[in-house]
C-alpha atoms as a PDB file:
ATOM      1  CA  MET A   1      79.991  86.983 112.916  1.00  0.00           C
ATOM      2  CA  THR A   2      81.675  90.571 114.156  1.00  0.00           C
ATOM      3  CA  ASN A   3      82.477  92.737 110.973  1.00  0.00           C
ATOM      4  CA  PRO A   4      85.423  92.472 109.355  1.00  0.00           C
ATOM      5  CA  ASN A   5      87.718  95.762 109.702  1.00  0.00           C
ATOM      6  CA  TRP A   6      88.157  96.001 105.818  1.00  0.00           C
ATOM      7  CA  LEU A   7      84.703  97.081 105.830  1.00  0.00           C
ATOM      8  CA  GLU A   8      85.032 100.613 107.821  1.00  0.00           C
ATOM      9  CA  LEU A   9      87.518 101.845 104.772  1.00  0.00           C
ATOM     10  CA  PHE A  10      83.697 102.721 102.700  1.00  0.00           C
ATOM     11  CA  PRO A  11      81.428 105.245 103.078  1.00  0.00           C
ATOM     12  CA  ASP A  12      78.496 104.623 105.229  1.00  0.00           C
ATOM     13  CA  ARG A  13      76.295 104.301 101.901  1.00  0.00           C
ATOM     14  CA  ILE A  14      78.411 101.524 100.185  1.00  0.00           C
ATOM     15  CA  LYS A  15      79.339 100.276 103.738  1.00  0.00           C
ATOM     16  CA  SER A  16      75.902  99.644 104.397  1.00  0.00           C
ATOM     17  CA  ILE A  17      74.947  97.550 101.070  1.00  0.00           C
ATOM     18  CA  LEU A  18      77.732  95.329 101.512  1.00  0.00           C
ATOM     19  CA  LEU A  19      76.934  94.151 104.729  1.00  0.00           C
ATOM     20  CA  GLU A  20      73.714  92.951 103.877  1.00  0.00           C
ATOM     21  CA  LEU A  21      75.868  90.736 101.799  1.00  0.00           C
ATOM     22  CA  PRO A  22      75.082  86.833 102.502  1.00  0.00           C
ATOM     23  CA  ARG A  23      77.152  86.657 105.386  1.00  0.00           C
ATOM     24  CA  ASP A  24      79.631  83.538 103.800  1.00  0.00           C
ATOM     25  CA  HIS A  25      80.092  85.684 100.685  1.00  0.00           C
ATOM     26  CA  LEU A  26      81.153  88.811 102.922  1.00  0.00           C
ATOM     27  CA  ALA A  27      83.135  86.162 104.448  1.00  0.00           C
ATOM     28  CA  ARG A  28      85.360  85.409 101.025  1.00  0.00           C
ATOM     29  CA  LEU A  29      85.216  88.007  99.425  1.00  0.00           C
ATOM     30  CA  GLU A  30      88.502  88.957  97.575  1.00  0.00           C
ATOM     31  CA  GLU A  31      88.014  92.110  95.555  1.00  0.00           C
ATOM     32  CA  VAL A  32      85.527  95.082  95.839  1.00  0.00           C
ATOM     33  CA  ARG A  33      85.486  97.599  92.663  1.00  0.00           C
ATOM     34  CA  LEU A  34      83.821 100.812  93.354  1.00  0.00           C
ATOM     35  CA  ARG A  35      83.695 102.580  90.036  1.00  0.00           C
ATOM     36  CA  GLU A  36      81.862 106.078  89.776  1.00  0.00           C
ATOM     37  CA  GLY A  37      78.789 106.083  87.883  1.00  0.00           C
ATOM     38  CA  ARG A  38      79.087 102.258  87.085  1.00  0.00           C
ATOM     39  CA  PRO A  39      78.148  98.991  88.982  1.00  0.00           C
ATOM     40  CA  LEU A  40      79.519  98.138  92.678  1.00  0.00           C
ATOM     41  CA  GLU A  41      81.277  94.750  91.517  1.00  0.00           C
ATOM     42  CA  VAL A  42      82.704  92.250  93.640  1.00  0.00           C
ATOM     43  CA  ASN A  43      85.011  89.605  92.945  1.00  0.00           C
ATOM     44  CA  GLU A  44      85.204  86.013  94.752  1.00  0.00           C
ATOM     45  CA  SER A  45      87.479  83.043  93.775  1.00  0.00           C
ATOM     46  CA  GLY A  46      87.916  84.546  90.186  1.00  0.00           C
ATOM     47  CA  GLY A  47      83.812  84.831  89.588  1.00  0.00           C
ATOM     48  CA  HIS A  48      82.330  88.397  89.539  1.00  0.00           C
ATOM     49  CA  ARG A  49      79.098  89.555  90.782  1.00  0.00           C
ATOM     50  CA  PHE A  50      77.578  93.236  91.165  1.00  0.00           C
ATOM     51  CA  VAL A  51      76.117  94.085  94.232  1.00  0.00           C
ATOM     52  CA  THR A  52      72.144  95.737  93.973  1.00  0.00           C
ATOM     53  CA  GLY A  53      71.432  99.012  96.389  1.00  0.00           C
ATOM     54  CA  GLN A  54      69.720  96.433  98.389  1.00  0.00           C
ATOM     55  CA  GLY A  55      72.728  94.337  98.831  1.00  0.00           C
ATOM     56  CA  MET A  56      71.881  91.526  96.470  1.00  0.00           C
ATOM     57  CA  LEU A  57      74.091  89.587  94.081  1.00  0.00           C
ATOM     58  CA  THR A  58      73.032  90.139  90.577  1.00  0.00           C
ATOM     59  CA  LEU A  59      75.311  89.286  87.016  1.00  0.00           C
ATOM     60  CA  ASP A  60      72.311  92.213  85.257  1.00  0.00           C
ATOM     61  CA  GLU A  61      74.390  95.447  85.501  1.00  0.00           C
ATOM     62  CA  ASP A  62      71.552  97.361  85.118  1.00  0.00           C
ATOM     63  CA  LYS A  63      69.594  96.412  88.564  1.00  0.00           C
ATOM     64  CA  ALA A  64      73.354  97.198  90.450  1.00  0.00           C
ATOM     65  CA  TYR A  65      74.118 100.441  93.145  1.00  0.00           C
ATOM     66  CA  ARG A  66      76.028 102.599  90.936  1.00  0.00           C
ATOM     67  CA  PRO A  67      78.486 104.709  92.996  1.00  0.00           C
ATOM     68  CA  SER A  68      77.913 108.498  93.086  1.00  0.00           C
ATOM     69  CA  ARG A  69      80.879 110.738  92.864  1.00  0.00           C
ATOM     70  CA  ASP A  70      80.379 111.807  96.242  1.00  0.00           C
ATOM     71  CA  ASP A  71      80.647 108.330  97.320  1.00  0.00           C
ATOM     72  CA  GLY A  72      83.987 108.379  95.623  1.00  0.00           C
ATOM     73  CA  ARG A  73      85.576 111.211  96.926  1.00  0.00           C
ATOM     74  CA  ARG A  74      84.366 109.768 100.056  1.00  0.00           C
ATOM     75  CA  PHE A  75      86.457 106.978 100.151  1.00  0.00           C
ATOM     76  CA  LEU A  76      88.564 108.845  98.747  1.00  0.00           C
ATOM     77  CA  ASP A  77      88.823 111.355 102.164  1.00  0.00           C
ATOM     78  CA  LEU A  78      88.229 108.234 104.189  1.00  0.00           C
ATOM     79  CA  ILE A  79      91.326 105.601 102.980  1.00  0.00           C
ATOM     80  CA  SER A  80      94.080 108.936 102.808  1.00  0.00           C
ATOM     81  CA  ASN A  81      93.034 110.015 106.050  1.00  0.00           C
ATOM     82  CA  HIS A  82      92.023 113.545 105.280  1.00  0.00           C
ATOM     83  CA  SER A  83      94.944 114.332 103.616  1.00  0.00           C
ATOM     84  CA  LEU A  84      95.677 113.425 100.227  1.00  0.00           C
ATOM     85  CA  TYR A  85      98.715 114.967  99.365  1.00  0.00           C
ATOM     86  CA  THR A  86     100.788 112.780 101.799  1.00  0.00           C
ATOM     87  CA  LEU A  87     100.643 110.227  99.949  1.00  0.00           C
ATOM     88  CA  GLU A  88     102.773 111.708  96.770  1.00  0.00           C
ATOM     89  CA  GLU A  89     104.675 108.526  96.190  1.00  0.00           C
ATOM     90  CA  GLU A  90     101.133 105.905  96.291  1.00  0.00           C
ATOM     91  CA  LEU A  91      99.369 108.524  93.430  1.00  0.00           C
ATOM     92  CA  ARG A  92     102.684 107.962  91.745  1.00  0.00           C
ATOM     93  CA  LYS A  93     102.473 104.170  91.785  1.00  0.00           C
ATOM     94  CA  GLY A  94      98.639 103.802  91.486  1.00  0.00           C
ATOM     95  CA  PHE A  95      98.158 102.041  94.584  1.00  0.00           C
ATOM     96  CA  ILE A  96      97.605 102.393  98.324  1.00  0.00           C
ATOM     97  CA  THR A  97      98.312  99.977 101.302  1.00  0.00           C
ATOM     98  CA  VAL A  98      95.905 100.767 104.075  1.00  0.00           C
ATOM     99  CA  PRO A  99      96.032  99.180 107.398  1.00  0.00           C
ATOM    100  CA  GLY A 100      95.544  95.484 107.426  1.00  0.00           C
ATOM    101  CA  GLY A 101      97.593  95.261 104.664  1.00  0.00           C
ATOM    102  CA  HIS A 102      94.666  95.959 102.306  1.00  0.00           C
ATOM    103  CA  ARG A 103      95.666  97.004  98.693  1.00  0.00           C
ATOM    104  CA  ILE A 104      93.389  99.809  96.856  1.00  0.00           C
ATOM    105  CA  GLY A 105      94.160 100.433  92.836  1.00  0.00           C
ATOM    106  CA  LEU A 106      93.238 103.501  91.516  1.00  0.00           C
ATOM    107  CA  ALA A 107      92.564 104.421  88.195  1.00  0.00           C
ATOM    108  CA  GLY A 108      91.872 108.248  87.172  1.00  0.00           C
ATOM    109  CA  ARG A 109      93.835 110.933  84.952  1.00  0.00           C
ATOM    110  CA  THR A 110      97.396 110.508  85.269  1.00  0.00           C
ATOM    111  CA  VAL A 111      99.527 113.679  85.484  1.00  0.00           C
ATOM    112  CA  LEU A 112     103.479 113.519  83.365  1.00  0.00           C
ATOM    113  CA  SER A 113     106.327 114.982  84.324  1.00  0.00           C
ATOM    114  CA  GLY A 114     109.322 114.417  81.662  1.00  0.00           C
ATOM    115  CA  GLY A 115     106.980 111.372  79.850  1.00  0.00           C
ATOM    116  CA  LYS A 116     106.541 109.500  83.091  1.00  0.00           C
ATOM    117  CA  VAL A 117     103.911 109.141  85.630  1.00  0.00           C
ATOM    118  CA  GLU A 118     103.977 112.198  88.433  1.00  0.00           C
ATOM    119  CA  HIS A 119     100.779 111.385  90.307  1.00  0.00           C
ATOM    120  CA  ILE A 120      96.936 110.627  89.765  1.00  0.00           C
ATOM    121  CA  ARG A 121      94.063 113.091  89.602  1.00  0.00           C
ATOM    122  CA  ASP A 122      90.673 113.030  89.001  1.00  0.00           C
ATOM    123  CA  ILE A 123      90.460 109.278  90.717  1.00  0.00           C
ATOM    124  CA  SER A 124      87.104 107.567  89.786  1.00  0.00           C
ATOM    125  CA  GLY A 125      87.707 104.082  90.204  1.00  0.00           C
ATOM    126  CA  PHE A 126      89.052 101.718  93.026  1.00  0.00           C
ATOM    127  CA  ASN A 127      89.948  98.493  93.612  1.00  0.00           C
ATOM    128  CA  ILE A 128      90.046  97.085  96.997  1.00  0.00           C
ATOM    129  CA  ARG A 129      91.768  93.842  97.244  1.00  0.00           C
ATOM    130  CA  ILE A 130      91.040  92.309 100.392  1.00  0.00           C
ATOM    131  CA  ALA A 131      93.791  90.627 102.857  1.00  0.00           C
ATOM    132  CA  ARG A 132      93.408  88.263 105.178  1.00  0.00           C
ATOM    133  CA  GLU A 133      95.347  86.066 107.301  1.00  0.00           C
ATOM    134  CA  VAL A 134      94.987  81.776 106.672  1.00  0.00           C
ATOM    135  CA  ARG A 135      96.840  80.446 109.766  1.00  0.00           C
ATOM    136  CA  GLY A 136      97.858  76.777 108.209  1.00  0.00           C
ATOM    137  CA  ALA A 137      98.164  78.212 104.763  1.00  0.00           C
ATOM    138  CA  GLY A 138     102.081  76.950 104.186  1.00  0.00           C
ATOM    139  CA  ASP A 139     101.516  73.165 105.694  1.00  0.00           C
ATOM    140  CA  GLU A 140     101.513  71.265 102.739  1.00  0.00           C
ATOM    141  CA  ILE A 141     104.533  73.080 101.612  1.00  0.00           C
ATOM    142  CA  LEU A 142     107.052  73.294 104.417  1.00  0.00           C
ATOM    143  CA  PRO A 143     107.553  69.430 104.890  1.00  0.00           C
ATOM    144  CA  TYR A 144     109.411  70.188 101.189  1.00  0.00           C
ATOM    145  CA  LEU A 145     110.658  73.524 102.363  1.00  0.00           C
ATOM    146  CA  ARG A 146     112.656  71.513 105.076  1.00  0.00           C
ATOM    147  CA  ASP A 147     115.859  70.290 104.501  1.00  0.00           C
ATOM    148  CA  ASP A 148     116.755  68.331 107.503  1.00  0.00           C
ATOM    149  CA  LYS A 149     120.129  66.888 106.356  1.00  0.00           C
ATOM    150  CA  GLU A 150     121.537  70.192 106.590  1.00  0.00           C
ATOM    151  CA  ARG A 151     118.818  71.781 109.112  1.00  0.00           C
ATOM    152  CA  ARG A 152     117.731  75.212 107.284  1.00  0.00           C
ATOM    153  CA  ILE A 153     115.125  76.019 104.519  1.00  0.00           C
ATOM    154  CA  LYS A 154     115.329  75.285 101.112  1.00  0.00           C
ATOM    155  CA  HIS A 155     115.820  78.519  98.635  1.00  0.00           C
ATOM    156  CA  ALA A 156     112.269  78.865  96.811  1.00  0.00           C
ATOM    157  CA  LEU A 157     110.125  80.489  93.951  1.00  0.00           C
ATOM    158  CA  ILE A 158     106.288  80.912  94.828  1.00  0.00           C
ATOM    159  CA  ILE A 159     105.087  81.652  90.795  1.00  0.00           C
ATOM    160  CA  SER A 160     101.029  82.338  90.658  1.00  0.00           C
ATOM    161  CA  PRO A 161      98.391  85.147  88.563  1.00  0.00           C
ATOM    162  CA  PRO A 162      97.074  87.450  90.672  1.00  0.00           C
ATOM    163  CA  GLN A 163      94.585  86.998  93.132  1.00  0.00           C
ATOM    164  CA  HIS A 164      96.516  83.220  93.544  1.00  0.00           C
ATOM    165  CA  GLY A 165      97.252  83.341  97.590  1.00  0.00           C
ATOM    166  CA  LYS A 166     101.279  84.053  96.684  1.00  0.00           C
ATOM    167  CA  THR A 167     101.111  87.123 100.236  1.00  0.00           C
ATOM    168  CA  THR A 168      98.949  84.380 102.325  1.00  0.00           C
ATOM    169  CA  LEU A 169     101.303  81.919 101.367  1.00  0.00           C
ATOM    170  CA  LEU A 170     104.371  83.887 101.847  1.00  0.00           C
ATOM    171  CA  ARG A 171     102.577  85.472 105.555  1.00  0.00           C
ATOM    172  CA  ASP A 172     102.249  82.156 106.855  1.00  0.00           C
ATOM    173  CA  LEU A 173     105.734  80.722 106.376  1.00  0.00           C
ATOM    174  CA  ALA A 174     107.125  83.456 107.989  1.00  0.00           C
ATOM    175  CA  ARG A 175     104.796  82.613 110.845  1.00  0.00           C
ATOM    176  CA  GLN A 176     105.774  79.038 111.192  1.00  0.00           C
ATOM    177  CA  ILE A 177     109.433  79.625 109.896  1.00  0.00           C
ATOM    178  CA  SER A 178     109.801  82.579 112.561  1.00  0.00           C
ATOM    179  CA  SER A 179     107.963  80.430 115.603  1.00  0.00           C
ATOM    180  CA  GLY A 180     109.586  77.379 114.951  1.00  0.00           C
ATOM    181  CA  LYS A 181     107.007  74.949 113.411  1.00  0.00           C
ATOM    182  CA  ILE A 182     109.368  73.899 111.019  1.00  0.00           C
ATOM    183  CA  GLY A 183     110.195  70.090 112.567  1.00  0.00           C
ATOM    184  CA  GLU A 184     113.943  70.042 113.141  1.00  0.00           C
ATOM    185  CA  VAL A 185     114.647  72.916 111.063  1.00  0.00           C
ATOM    186  CA  PRO A 186     116.871  74.523 113.220  1.00  0.00           C
ATOM    187  CA  PRO A 187     117.895  71.893 116.010  1.00  0.00           C
ATOM    188  CA  SER A 188     117.047  74.498 118.629  1.00  0.00           C
ATOM    189  CA  GLY A 189     113.674  73.877 117.826  1.00  0.00           C
ATOM    190  CA  LEU A 190     113.355  77.943 118.940  1.00  0.00           C
ATOM    191  CA  GLY A 191     112.754  79.240 115.355  1.00  0.00           C
ATOM    192  CA  MET A 192     114.377  80.995 113.052  1.00  0.00           C
ATOM    193  CA  LYS A 193     115.297  84.972 112.514  1.00  0.00           C
ATOM    194  CA  VAL A 194     113.465  86.038 109.312  1.00  0.00           C
ATOM    195  CA  GLY A 195     113.388  89.472 107.878  1.00  0.00           C
ATOM    196  CA  ILE A 196     110.688  90.441 105.306  1.00  0.00           C
ATOM    197  CA  ILE A 197     110.916  93.144 102.847  1.00  0.00           C
ATOM    198  CA  ASP A 198     107.833  94.939 102.442  1.00  0.00           C
ATOM    199  CA  GLU A 199     107.243  97.201  99.957  1.00  0.00           C
ATOM    200  CA  ARG A 200     103.778  97.715  99.269  1.00  0.00           C
ATOM    201  CA  SER A 201     102.837  96.961 103.077  1.00  0.00           C
ATOM    202  CA  GLU A 202     100.852  93.883 102.302  1.00  0.00           C
ATOM    203  CA  ILE A 203     103.182  90.773 103.642  1.00  0.00           C
ATOM    204  CA  ALA A 204     102.898  92.134 107.213  1.00  0.00           C
ATOM    205  CA  GLY A 205      99.982  94.986 107.059  1.00  0.00           C
ATOM    206  CA  SER A 206     102.623  97.316 109.346  1.00  0.00           C
ATOM    207  CA  LEU A 207     100.717  99.975 110.924  1.00  0.00           C
ATOM    208  CA  ARG A 208     103.407 102.644 111.962  1.00  0.00           C
ATOM    209  CA  GLY A 209     106.023  99.842 111.304  1.00  0.00           C
ATOM    210  CA  VAL A 210     104.342  97.236 113.795  1.00  0.00           C
ATOM    211  CA  PRO A 211     103.208  94.593 111.588  1.00  0.00           C
ATOM    212  CA  THR A 212      99.036  94.049 112.033  1.00  0.00           C
ATOM    213  CA  PHE A 213      99.377  90.150 110.933  1.00  0.00           C
ATOM    214  CA  ASP A 214     101.092  87.603 112.811  1.00  0.00           C
ATOM    215  CA  VAL A 215     104.380  87.071 111.314  1.00  0.00           C
ATOM    216  CA  GLY A 216     105.998  84.789 113.939  1.00  0.00           C
ATOM    217  CA  PRO A 217     107.632  86.472 117.395  1.00  0.00           C
ATOM    218  CA  ARG A 218     111.224  86.217 115.755  1.00  0.00           C
ATOM    219  CA  THR A 219     110.373  88.035 112.004  1.00  0.00           C
ATOM    220  CA  ASP A 220     111.708  92.049 111.610  1.00  0.00           C
ATOM    221  CA  VAL A 221     109.875  93.956 108.713  1.00  0.00           C
ATOM    222  CA  MET A 222     111.174  96.089 106.458  1.00  0.00           C
ATOM    223  CA  ASP A 223     108.195  98.304 105.653  1.00  0.00           C
ATOM    224  CA  ALA A 224     107.602 100.560 102.498  1.00  0.00           C
ATOM    225  CA  CYS A 225     111.426  99.847 101.459  1.00  0.00           C
ATOM    226  CA  PRO A 226     112.100  99.084  97.144  1.00  0.00           C
ATOM    227  CA  LYS A 227     112.304  95.137  97.438  1.00  0.00           C
ATOM    228  CA  ALA A 228     116.137  95.496  96.283  1.00  0.00           C
ATOM    229  CA  GLU A 229     117.742  97.907  98.574  1.00  0.00           C
ATOM    230  CA  GLY A 230     115.430  96.323 101.326  1.00  0.00           C
ATOM    231  CA  MET A 231     117.151  93.370 101.059  1.00  0.00           C
ATOM    232  CA  MET A 232     120.366  94.859 101.392  1.00  0.00           C
ATOM    233  CA  MET A 233     119.735  96.907 104.464  1.00  0.00           C
ATOM    234  CA  MET A 234     118.278  93.935 105.884  1.00  0.00           C
ATOM    235  CA  ILE A 235     121.025  91.636 105.407  1.00  0.00           C
ATOM    236  CA  ARG A 236     123.139  94.048 106.734  1.00  0.00           C
ATOM    237  CA  SER A 237     121.350  95.328 109.798  1.00  0.00           C
ATOM    238  CA  MET A 238     119.429  92.352 110.977  1.00  0.00           C
ATOM    239  CA  SER A 239     121.124  89.296 110.201  1.00  0.00           C
ATOM    240  CA  PRO A 240     118.331  87.440 108.918  1.00  0.00           C
ATOM    241  CA  ASP A 241     118.424  83.674 108.232  1.00  0.00           C
ATOM    242  CA  VAL A 242     115.422  83.245 105.980  1.00  0.00           C
ATOM    243  CA  LEU A 243     114.243  86.639 103.683  1.00  0.00           C
ATOM    244  CA  ILE A 244     111.176  86.392 102.795  1.00  0.00           C
ATOM    245  CA  VAL A 245     109.861  89.026  99.536  1.00  0.00           C
ATOM    246  CA  ASP A 246     107.396  89.482  97.537  1.00  0.00           C
ATOM    247  CA  GLU A 247     106.690  89.647  93.606  1.00  0.00           C
ATOM    248  CA  ILE A 248     110.426  90.121  92.597  1.00  0.00           C
ATOM    249  CA  GLY A 249     111.346  90.591  88.577  1.00  0.00           C
ATOM    250  CA  ARG A 250     113.619  93.325  88.048  1.00  0.00           C
ATOM    251  CA  GLU A 251     117.378  93.256  86.927  1.00  0.00           C
ATOM    252  CA  GLU A 252     117.859  94.746  90.808  1.00  0.00           C
ATOM    253  CA  ASP A 253     116.015  92.154  92.398  1.00  0.00           C
ATOM    254  CA  ALA A 254     117.806  88.988  90.807  1.00  0.00           C
ATOM    255  CA  GLU A 255     121.038  90.857  91.952  1.00  0.00           C
ATOM    256  CA  ALA A 256     120.007  90.983  95.879  1.00  0.00           C
ATOM    257  CA  VAL A 257     118.607  87.662  95.506  1.00  0.00           C
ATOM    258  CA  THR A 258     122.238  86.348  93.970  1.00  0.00           C
ATOM    259  CA  GLU A 259     123.610  88.746  96.629  1.00  0.00           C
ATOM    260  CA  ALA A 260     121.973  86.647  99.407  1.00  0.00           C
ATOM    261  CA  LEU A 261     122.392  83.351  98.307  1.00  0.00           C
ATOM    262  CA  ASN A 262     125.509  83.621  97.947  1.00  0.00           C
ATOM    263  CA  ALA A 263     125.381  84.805 101.716  1.00  0.00           C
ATOM    264  CA  GLY A 264     124.286  81.739 102.870  1.00  0.00           C
ATOM    265  CA  ILE A 265     120.653  83.455 103.628  1.00  0.00           C
ATOM    266  CA  THR A 266     117.929  81.802 102.785  1.00  0.00           C
ATOM    267  CA  VAL A 267     115.351  83.513  99.811  1.00  0.00           C
ATOM    268  CA  ILE A 268     111.468  82.778  99.417  1.00  0.00           C
ATOM    269  CA  ALA A 269     110.004  85.262  96.828  1.00  0.00           C
ATOM    270  CA  SER A 270     106.925  85.335  94.934  1.00  0.00           C
ATOM    271  CA  ALA A 271     106.896  86.276  91.007  1.00  0.00           C
ATOM    272  CA  HIS A 272     104.102  86.691  88.602  1.00  0.00           C
ATOM    273  CA  GLY A 273     103.425  83.948  86.171  1.00  0.00           C
ATOM    274  CA  SER A 274     101.091  81.064  85.615  1.00  0.00           C
ATOM    275  CA  SER A 275     104.182  78.739  84.482  1.00  0.00           C
ATOM    276  CA  LEU A 276     108.186  78.538  84.200  1.00  0.00           C
ATOM    277  CA  GLU A 277     108.198  78.889  80.752  1.00  0.00           C
ATOM    278  CA  GLU A 278     106.866  82.655  81.641  1.00  0.00           C
ATOM    279  CA  LEU A 279     109.834  82.963  83.651  1.00  0.00           C
ATOM    280  CA  GLN A 280     112.151  82.471  80.305  1.00  0.00           C
ATOM    281  CA  ASN A 281     110.678  85.646  78.887  1.00  0.00           C
ATOM    282  CA  ARG A 282     111.643  87.776  81.935  1.00  0.00           C
ATOM    283  CA  PRO A 283     115.139  87.647  81.686  1.00  0.00           C
ATOM    284  CA  ALA A 284     115.962  89.070  85.173  1.00  0.00           C
ATOM    285  CA  LEU A 285     113.975  85.786  86.476  1.00  0.00           C
ATOM    286  CA  LYS A 286     115.330  83.635  83.258  1.00  0.00           C
ATOM    287  CA  ARG A 287     118.922  83.961  84.801  1.00  0.00           C
ATOM    288  CA  LEU A 288     118.099  83.108  87.993  1.00  0.00           C
ATOM    289  CA  ALA A 289     116.434  79.929  86.439  1.00  0.00           C
ATOM    290  CA  ASP A 290     119.198  79.438  84.661  1.00  0.00           C
ATOM    291  CA  ASN A 291     121.632  79.385  87.510  1.00  0.00           C
ATOM    292  CA  ARG A 292     119.764  77.430  89.409  1.00  0.00           C
ATOM    293  CA  MET A 293     119.434  79.411  92.434  1.00  0.00           C
ATOM    294  CA  PHE A 294     116.054  78.291  94.217  1.00  0.00           C
ATOM    295  CA  GLU A 295     115.745  74.697  94.538  1.00  0.00           C
ATOM    296  CA  LEU A 296     112.118  74.493  95.278  1.00  0.00           C
ATOM    297  CA  TYR A 297     109.597  76.080  92.890  1.00  0.00           C
ATOM    298  CA  VAL A 298     106.075  76.447  94.076  1.00  0.00           C
ATOM    299  CA  LEU A 299     103.183  76.998  91.104  1.00  0.00           C
ATOM    300  CA  LEU A 300      99.843  78.063  92.015  1.00  0.00           C
ATOM    301  CA  HIS A 301      96.584  77.825  90.601  1.00  0.00           C
ATOM    302  CA  ARG A 302      93.245  77.914  91.053  1.00  0.00           C
ATOM    303  CA  SER A 303      90.722  74.403  91.446  1.00  0.00           C
ATOM    304  CA  ARG A 304      87.243  74.059  92.340  1.00  0.00           C
ATOM    305  CA  GLY A 305      87.757  78.045  93.796  1.00  0.00           C
ATOM    306  CA  LYS A 306      90.283  77.254  96.136  1.00  0.00           C
ATOM    307  CA  THR A 307      93.838  77.507  95.912  1.00  0.00           C
ATOM    308  CA  ALA A 308      96.331  74.175  94.958  1.00  0.00           C
ATOM    309  CA  PHE A 309     100.260  73.863  94.150  1.00  0.00           C
ATOM    310  CA  ARG A 310     102.365  71.650  92.234  1.00  0.00           C
ATOM    311  CA  LEU A 311     105.910  71.512  93.408  1.00  0.00           C
ATOM    312  CA  MET A 312     109.620  71.579  91.210  1.00  0.00           C
ATOM    313  CA  ASP A 313     112.883  70.773  92.041  1.00  0.00           C
ATOM    314  CA  ARG A 314     115.574  73.348  90.455  1.00  0.00           C
ATOM    315  CA  GLN A 315     115.750  70.704  87.670  1.00  0.00           C
ATOM    316  CA  MET A 316     112.235  71.343  86.819  1.00  0.00           C
ATOM    317  CA  ARG A 317     110.847  67.896  87.862  1.00  0.00           C
ATOM    318  CA  VAL A 318     107.499  67.530  89.328  1.00  0.00           C
ATOM    319  CA  LEU A 319     107.784  66.943  92.749  1.00  0.00           C
ATOM    320  CA  GLN A 320     104.047  66.943  94.415  1.00  0.00           C
ATOM    321  CA  LEU A 321     100.921  68.024  93.835  1.00  0.00           C
ATOM    322  CA  SER A 322      98.530  69.958  96.800  1.00  0.00           C
ATOM    323  CA  ALA A 323      96.370  66.685  98.124  1.00  0.00           C
ATOM    324  CA  LYS A 324      93.160  66.265  97.137  1.00  0.00           C
ATOM    325  CA  GLY A 325      94.365  69.078  94.260  1.00  0.00           C
ATOM    326  CA  GLU A 326      93.594  72.286  96.755  1.00  0.00           C
ATOM    327  CA  ALA A 327      95.092  73.552  99.960  1.00  0.00           C
ATOM    328  CA  TRP A 328      93.862  76.555 101.017  1.00  0.00           C
ATOM    329  CA  HIS A 329      90.639  79.542 100.137  1.00  0.00           C
ATOM    330  CA  ALA A 330      93.233  82.278  99.112  1.00  0.00           C
END
């Protein structure tokens, strides 16, 4: 097994500790949490462990390695490419997305301007969310997305709490729909034109505008662009058959989704939540649900450490559960 590319994000001391972790565990890590002066933590499938200075997993915080201020500064220097001032917008949002689609959440002291967060300074906490490409993640769901009679893809909303594989699923669906791995949709078998609105650079993991993940041969990516604006730009400029967008929820997102659907473009989107009932507490999503804009709902949840799903139609009727209660490791 070669070293995962995300390990290169870390300064040498932290990297050497993580490399001592058991190889199978290292391959499944979803998060690494680095907090100055507090235990180094790793997370897998919703469970956490601390890490000792020798790369051993423990639940005893007193035995864990505690990153120093120098560790934090070196890490920040590496992820900002030695130019923290160029990340002004990312610091305002509270996260940085680095090549490979890995997302790094930031915690520290906020600086306000006009009552709003201007940026974060004195950064002392980092949450590194590790992005992975899981080919085949959409295999079980794709047959339900196909409308073989009309030879098109259905409008769908993927719902789950954080770290349940929404982005992983969207990435593989984009690849397969764009590649034509979807039966008789479209009839040519050449795949469909897919447009990805990747506001946080997580779906495609673009570097200088070029995807680092395989999102399919007929896929265009609008990287680091607000979702609503990006959907309209993609419709006007690239005429996609299918739009894919992560984590909608605002009024402007709902308006853009409605505009796309009315223009005959399929939308596959995701949203935070653990149930359809939760959507009723979010006005924008409630309006989309009440108007039955989505034909398929995909609810993701954890089952024995893996991601499982439940499918529901636009009338909220259960269609299918994932085979054996599990689908893929997110």
